[in-house]
Structure formats: C-alpha cells, structure tokens
Amino acid sequence: MGNRLSKIYTRTGDDGTTGLGDGSRVAKDSARVAAYGTVDEANSCIGLVLAADVPDDIRALLTTVQHQMFDLGGELCIPGHAAIFDADIDRLEQQLDAFNEPLPPLKDFILPGGGEAGARCHIARTVVRRAERETVALSRLEPVRPEAVRYLNRLSDLLFVLARVLARASGHGEVLWNHERRKA
C-alpha cells in the first residue's frame, strides 16, 4: 500500500480540485468524483445496515460487499484500473438467488420500511442505484469497465432482496404499497 496519511488535511483541494489515484487532478464536481463519491456514500449506508441487528449470514455478506465497494471506488478513482471482476458479480448473483429463493413471489410493490434494518437496507439500495446512474453517466464521458456498472446493478437487486429478508426476520414484515387506497 502507498503512503499512509499522517495529516488529514493537505490544503491541495482548496482550489476545488482533488487528486485521483493516478496522481492527476480533476474538479471535485467531475463525473468521476461524483461516481466514486457515491460509491463511498453507498458503502457508508451499508455500514449503517451493519450497525443494526442483522443475521450473521447477512453481516458476513455485507462485510464482503463493503470491501468490494472500496475496491470499486478505487477502480473508479484510478482511470484504467480494474478491481471488480465477473467472479465478484457471479458471487453476488449466487447470494441473490439464495436469499430470494425462499421469499414469496412479489405481487405488489414494497414501500421502504419493514423495521430498522430493512429500512436501512432500502436506503443503501437507493444510494447504490444513484451510484450506478452516476457511473453510467461517467461512462458516457470516459472509459469505464462494464463490470463496474453490472456490479452496482446486481448489488442494488441484492439489497432489495435483503431488505425483504430483514423485514420478515424483524417481525415487522414488508410494507406493501396500497394502490387501492385512492379508489374509495
């Protein structure tokens, strides 16, 4: 690993720029910084899920995901760097299938909620979706490996399923959207 930070502030960003992992400097509001910044925000939201009471298998999975999200942030921060691979996406899909299999099929939309852990998982899901949109926006301007977008897409699906699992495990259950409420 490179240099460790002994001093947190450097003043180099006071001009509205930040350093990428390759040493180049870009505006803090660039599409690349927005993408990896939102990946970091999503990772923090996953940490918030982990701060709640979650089953051990979900805790282990989300801890692994946090490491992969850090890798993905590094990939987006270093143009041309590869840190997320097909095998990572395959593992997400396997976990997604395993957690989804025992759930009843969806017949209605689900509102974000279902207890503290489930609600936090929904927040993480929506931030991952934003990270995906911002990574796609970056890919229209600069090269981005398709694995990055696919990983985020699959992760948001996994978080949706985990929110369902957590809502049921908490005893709160899923909060279904009542589309009939306006017909009365």
Foldseek 3Di string as FASTA:
>chain_A
DDDDDPDDDDCPCVVQWDAFPVGDIDGCPDLLNVLLVLLVVLLVLLVQLLVDDDDPVVNVVSVVVSVQSVQLSNPSRDDPDDRFDPVLLVVLVVLLCVLQVVDDDDPFDFDQDLDDSLNSLLVSLVSLVVSLVSVVVVCVVGPDDVRSNSSSVSVSSSSNSVSQVNSVVVVNHTHGDDPCPVVD
